[in-house]
Protein backbone atom coordinates (compact mmCIF):
# COMPACT_ATOMS: atom_id res chain seq x y z
CA MET A 1 0.13 0.17 0.23
CA ASN A 2 3.00 2.14 0.20
CA GLU A 3 3.18 2.68 -3.57
CA ALA A 4 1.50 5.25 -5.40
CA LEU A 5 -1.00 3.41 -7.34
CA ILE A 6 -3.06 6.46 -7.37
CA GLU A 7 -1.59 9.83 -8.44
CA ILE A 8 -3.71 12.94 -6.67
CA SER A 9 -3.98 16.07 -7.77
CA GLN A 10 -5.70 19.26 -7.51
CA ASP A 11 -6.70 22.39 -9.53
CA GLY A 12 -8.98 24.60 -7.42
CA ALA A 13 -12.08 22.58 -6.43
CA VAL A 14 -11.18 19.82 -8.57
CA ARG A 15 -9.39 16.59 -7.65
CA THR A 16 -8.27 14.25 -10.12
CA LEU A 17 -7.42 10.76 -9.39
CA THR A 18 -4.58 9.05 -12.00
CA LEU A 19 -4.78 5.19 -12.25
CA ASN A 20 -1.37 5.08 -12.00
CA ARG A 21 0.22 1.53 -13.34
CA PRO A 22 0.86 2.30 -16.99
CA ALA A 23 3.23 -0.45 -17.40
CA ALA A 24 0.10 -2.55 -17.07
CA LEU A 25 -2.30 -0.17 -18.62
CA ASN A 26 -3.62 0.43 -15.25
CA ALA A 27 -5.21 -3.38 -14.68
CA PHE A 28 -6.75 -3.13 -11.04
CA THR A 29 -4.67 -4.82 -8.27
CA SER A 30 -6.34 -5.68 -4.75
CA SER A 31 -3.83 -2.66 -3.73
CA MET A 32 -4.82 -0.02 -6.13
CA LEU A 33 -8.58 -0.73 -5.67
CA ALA A 34 -8.30 0.12 -1.71
CA GLN A 35 -6.06 3.05 -2.46
CA LEU A 36 -8.74 4.29 -5.15
CA ARG A 37 -11.62 3.71 -2.65
CA ALA A 38 -9.81 5.89 0.00
CA GLY A 39 -9.21 8.52 -2.67
CA LEU A 40 -12.77 8.71 -2.92
CA ASP A 41 -13.65 8.75 0.54
CA ALA A 42 -11.16 11.53 1.12
CA ALA A 43 -12.35 13.58 -1.50
CA ALA A 44 -15.86 13.11 -0.23
CA LEU A 45 -14.87 14.11 3.39
CA ASP A 46 -12.77 17.14 1.96
CA ALA A 47 -15.11 20.56 1.82
CA GLY A 48 -12.50 21.95 -0.49
CA VAL A 49 -13.30 19.29 -3.31
CA ARG A 50 -16.37 20.49 -5.48
CA CYS A 51 -15.56 17.69 -8.53
CA VAL A 52 -13.44 14.75 -9.03
CA VAL A 53 -12.20 13.68 -12.15
CA ILE A 54 -10.97 9.62 -12.64
CA THR A 55 -8.28 9.17 -15.72
CA GLY A 56 -5.48 6.83 -16.50
CA ALA A 57 -1.79 7.18 -16.61
CA GLY A 58 0.17 6.27 -19.83
CA ARG A 59 -1.42 4.88 -22.98
CA GLY A 60 -4.52 3.58 -21.12
CA PHE A 61 -7.52 4.18 -18.71
CA CYS A 62 -7.87 0.49 -17.40
CA ALA A 63 -7.78 -2.66 -18.77
CA GLY A 64 -9.91 -4.36 -16.06
CA GLN A 65 -8.58 -6.70 -13.27
CA ASP A 66 -5.09 -7.93 -13.52
CA LEU A 67 -5.48 -11.77 -13.49
CA SER A 68 -1.72 -12.05 -11.75
CA ASP A 69 -3.12 -10.88 -8.65
CA PRO A 70 -2.85 -13.09 -5.87
CA LEU A 71 -6.72 -13.08 -5.60
CA VAL A 72 -7.53 -14.19 -8.83
CA ASN A 73 -4.59 -15.70 -10.57
CA PRO A 74 -6.05 -19.28 -11.81
CA ASN A 75 -2.56 -20.81 -12.15
CA LEU A 76 -3.33 -23.66 -9.39
CA GLN A 77 -0.38 -25.42 -7.18
CA PRO A 78 -0.87 -29.15 -6.69
CA GLY A 79 -3.42 -29.19 -3.88
CA GLU A 80 -5.05 -25.36 -4.15
CA ALA A 81 -8.15 -24.56 -4.33
CA PRO A 82 -9.51 -22.31 -7.12
CA LYS A 83 -9.31 -18.47 -6.01
CA ASP A 84 -13.39 -17.50 -4.75
CA ILE A 85 -13.56 -14.40 -7.37
CA GLY A 86 -16.88 -13.17 -5.50
CA HIS A 87 -14.47 -12.28 -2.47
CA LEU A 88 -12.97 -10.04 -4.34
CA LEU A 89 -16.16 -8.34 -5.58
CA ASP A 90 -17.51 -8.48 -2.36
CA ALA A 91 -13.88 -6.73 -0.77
CA TYR A 92 -13.53 -4.21 -3.39
CA TYR A 93 -15.27 -3.74 -6.57
CA ILE A 94 -18.69 -3.15 -4.38
CA PRO A 95 -17.69 -0.81 -1.88
CA LEU A 96 -15.73 0.81 -4.77
CA ALA A 97 -18.70 1.00 -7.15
CA LEU A 98 -21.27 2.20 -4.36
CA ARG A 99 -18.51 5.10 -3.14
CA VAL A 100 -18.84 6.24 -6.80
CA ARG A 101 -22.28 6.54 -6.72
CA SER A 102 -22.97 7.57 -3.38
CA MET A 103 -20.28 10.60 -3.67
CA PRO A 104 -21.30 14.07 -2.29
CA ILE A 105 -19.96 15.60 -5.55
CA PRO A 106 -19.90 15.03 -9.40
CA VAL A 107 -17.13 12.37 -10.81
CA ILE A 108 -16.39 12.59 -14.23
CA ALA A 109 -14.12 9.77 -15.96
CA ALA A 110 -11.69 10.84 -18.30
CA VAL A 111 -11.10 7.68 -20.76
CA ASN A 112 -8.04 7.31 -22.43
CA GLY A 113 -7.17 4.55 -24.28
CA VAL A 114 -8.55 1.15 -23.78
CA ALA A 115 -11.40 0.51 -20.85
CA ALA A 116 -11.95 -2.85 -20.55
CA GLY A 117 -13.73 -5.15 -18.23
CA ALA A 118 -14.07 -3.49 -14.64
CA GLY A 119 -12.13 -0.64 -15.89
CA ALA A 120 -14.87 0.10 -18.41
CA ASN A 121 -17.80 -0.39 -16.17
CA LEU A 122 -16.24 1.81 -13.38
CA ALA A 123 -15.91 4.73 -16.08
CA LEU A 124 -19.46 3.98 -17.05
CA GLY A 125 -20.59 3.79 -13.67
CA CYS A 126 -19.44 7.94 -13.01
CA ASP A 127 -21.37 10.71 -13.89
CA LEU A 128 -20.21 11.74 -16.87
CA VAL A 129 -18.21 9.98 -19.12
CA ILE A 130 -15.74 11.80 -21.72
CA ALA A 131 -13.28 9.92 -23.95
CA GLY A 132 -10.56 10.37 -26.40
CA ALA A 133 -11.20 9.37 -29.91
CA SER A 134 -8.80 6.46 -29.63
CA ALA A 135 -10.29 5.17 -26.74
CA ASN A 136 -12.20 1.57 -26.41
CA PHE A 137 -14.69 0.20 -24.15
CA ILE A 138 -14.49 -3.55 -24.19
CA GLN A 139 -17.05 -5.94 -22.03
CA ALA A 140 -13.94 -8.55 -21.97
CA PHE A 141 -15.75 -10.85 -19.20
CA SER A 142 -17.02 -13.23 -21.82
CA LYS A 143 -13.68 -14.04 -23.08
CA ILE A 144 -12.30 -15.67 -19.68
CA GLY A 145 -15.78 -17.35 -18.64
CA LEU A 146 -17.08 -14.36 -16.59
CA ILE A 147 -19.96 -11.96 -16.20
CA PRO A 148 -20.17 -8.41 -16.46
CA ASP A 149 -19.09 -6.74 -12.75
CA CYS A 150 -18.69 -3.11 -11.19
CA GLY A 151 -21.89 -2.57 -11.68
CA GLY A 152 -22.06 -3.77 -15.34
CA THR A 153 -25.03 -6.11 -15.37
CA TRP A 154 -26.99 -2.94 -13.70
CA LEU A 155 -25.38 -0.02 -16.03
CA LEU A 156 -25.34 -1.24 -19.54
CA PRO A 157 -29.14 -2.38 -20.12
CA ARG A 158 -29.89 1.15 -18.70
CA LEU A 159 -27.62 3.06 -20.40
CA VAL A 160 -28.26 1.40 -23.96
CA GLY A 161 -30.83 -0.95 -23.46
CA ARG A 162 -31.24 -5.01 -23.13
CA ALA A 163 -30.19 -5.69 -26.82
CA ARG A 164 -26.94 -3.37 -27.10
CA ALA A 165 -26.12 -4.34 -23.53
CA MET A 166 -26.14 -8.26 -24.87
CA GLN A 167 -24.29 -7.54 -27.74
CA LEU A 168 -21.39 -5.85 -25.76
CA ALA A 169 -21.50 -8.30 -22.99
CA LEU A 170 -22.06 -11.57 -24.97
CA LEU A 171 -19.53 -10.55 -27.92
CA GLY A 172 -16.94 -8.70 -26.17
CA GLU A 173 -15.73 -6.70 -29.27
CA LYS A 174 -14.20 -3.06 -28.98
CA LEU A 175 -16.70 -0.34 -29.00
CA PRO A 176 -14.99 2.84 -30.35
CA ALA A 177 -15.69 5.79 -28.08
CA ALA A 178 -17.08 7.99 -31.21
CA GLU A 179 -19.67 4.91 -31.53
CA ALA A 180 -20.30 4.66 -27.50
CA GLN A 181 -21.31 8.41 -27.86
CA ALA A 182 -23.75 7.63 -30.59
CA MET A 183 -25.40 4.65 -28.99
CA GLY A 184 -25.87 7.04 -25.75
CA LEU A 185 -23.06 4.68 -23.25
CA ILE A 186 -21.04 8.01 -22.78
CA TYR A 187 -21.32 11.46 -22.62
CA ARG A 188 -18.68 12.67 -25.13
CA CYS A 189 -15.99 11.75 -27.33
CA VAL A 190 -13.09 14.61 -28.26
CA PRO A 191 -9.83 14.33 -29.98
CA ASP A 192 -6.99 12.83 -27.94
CA GLU A 193 -4.88 15.49 -27.58
CA ASP A 194 -8.07 17.88 -26.00
CA LEU A 195 -9.49 15.08 -23.60
CA ALA A 196 -7.10 16.35 -20.36
CA VAL A 197 -8.23 19.98 -21.25
CA THR A 198 -11.85 19.39 -21.89
CA ALA A 199 -12.46 17.22 -18.89
CA GLN A 200 -10.78 19.39 -16.96
CA ALA A 201 -12.86 22.52 -17.89
CA LEU A 202 -15.66 20.51 -17.69
CA ALA A 203 -15.17 19.73 -13.83
CA GLN A 204 -14.19 23.36 -13.32
CA ARG A 205 -17.74 24.25 -14.65
CA LEU A 206 -19.41 21.70 -12.15
CA SER A 207 -17.49 22.29 -9.39
CA GLN A 208 -19.08 25.85 -9.45
CA MET A 209 -22.60 24.68 -10.22
CA PRO A 210 -24.79 23.40 -6.88
CA VAL A 211 -22.85 20.10 -6.68
CA ARG A 212 -25.62 19.07 -3.83
CA ALA A 213 -28.50 19.30 -5.90
CA MET A 214 -26.63 17.04 -8.66
CA ALA A 215 -25.60 14.62 -6.11
CA GLU A 216 -29.20 14.45 -5.25
CA THR A 217 -30.52 14.41 -9.23
CA ARG A 218 -27.81 10.93 -9.58
CA GLY A 219 -29.39 9.40 -6.54
CA ALA A 220 -33.38 10.51 -7.92
CA PHE A 221 -32.34 8.80 -11.31
CA ASP A 222 -31.14 5.62 -9.74
CA ALA A 223 -33.92 5.32 -7.21
CA ALA A 224 -36.80 5.99 -9.94
CA GLY A 225 -35.88 2.98 -12.10
CA ARG A 226 -37.07 0.71 -9.10
CA LEU A 227 -40.53 3.22 -8.42
CA GLU A 228 -43.74 3.54 -9.64
CA PHE A 229 -44.03 6.80 -11.41
CA GLU A 230 -46.32 8.24 -8.23
CA ASP A 231 -43.45 7.09 -5.94
CA ALA A 232 -40.80 8.68 -8.14
CA LEU A 233 -42.95 12.13 -8.24
CA LYS A 234 -43.14 11.83 -4.04
CA LEU A 235 -39.54 11.37 -4.34
CA GLU A 236 -39.07 14.50 -6.37
CA ALA A 237 -41.10 16.64 -3.71
CA ALA A 238 -39.26 15.01 -1.10
CA LEU A 239 -35.98 15.84 -2.47
CA GLN A 240 -36.87 19.44 -3.69
CA SER A 241 -38.34 20.19 -0.21
CA ARG A 242 -35.13 19.56 1.27
CA LEU A 243 -33.14 21.29 -1.32
CA GLY A 244 -35.56 24.14 -1.15
CA PHE A 245 -34.29 24.92 2.41
CA ALA A 246 -30.45 24.63 1.70
CA ASP A 247 -28.22 27.46 0.74
CA ASP A 248 -27.83 26.93 -2.84
CA TYR A 249 -31.66 27.15 -3.79
CA GLN A 250 -31.80 30.60 -1.80
CA GLU A 251 -28.92 32.07 -3.62
CA GLY A 252 -29.43 30.69 -7.09
CA ALA A 253 -33.04 31.88 -6.92
CA ALA A 254 -31.71 34.90 -5.65
CA ALA A 255 -29.18 35.23 -8.16
CA PHE A 256 -31.67 34.79 -10.93
CA LEU A 257 -34.22 37.34 -9.62
CA GLN A 258 -30.99 40.09 -9.05
CA LYS A 259 -29.56 38.95 -12.75
CA ARG A 260 -26.25 38.11 -11.09
CA ALA A 261 -23.93 34.97 -10.98
CA PRO A 262 -24.98 32.67 -8.24
CA LYS A 263 -22.30 31.96 -5.72
CA PHE A 264 -23.07 28.21 -4.89
CA SER A 265 -21.70 26.66 -1.46
CA ASP A 266 -23.77 23.59 -0.29
CA ARG A 267 -22.16 20.29 -0.54
């Protein structure tokens, strides 16, 4: 855990977490997963952070789980029992996926190069995904006899529908970033050389907006998928009631009436 597998930097109210195993295309190890979760936890607790960007060092965003990690390495020694991959999910991937979806601030994935397996689904679980034109998204699980994890079974059909989700999961083919944008899987595809600047500009913009309301919007969208319409309406009312007492609504409404730029502060 002493090795910096996640690089952390800050620009104003934007914190960037960079996956830092470039020689392995930032493939996940248990140590790396733990450090990423810790980085997100720290950002969630820091009032000076109002948006997070997750990206990868080097040529790739994340190639998914590193199969040489001792927790999943299938190379058995005589008399050794197979690894329980479910333990890896319970201990690392589930807490990480839930942490991303419960952040009190927006989370952007800036995808450079390959995003495969759990790396792809980590990105897709973020609030906004921007990818370089050379990036590819690959649901690589079927190639090794597994199912999409890190939220993939939940995310994919909701993002692109069942037919497209089955195509991506069963065939495991590379999906170029431009096609991912066209099918609604990601927010935006940009030239590779513009990725970092575009992601930072978007993050800075979001950091100046009412981030508490944006986090509540994410939660409402996620909850609405399992609610009847009337229950979704009631949830909207409950959230609007809570947000209506917050400083950001008072400031936003006053700024609108006074024809000035608002200064949001809630988190």
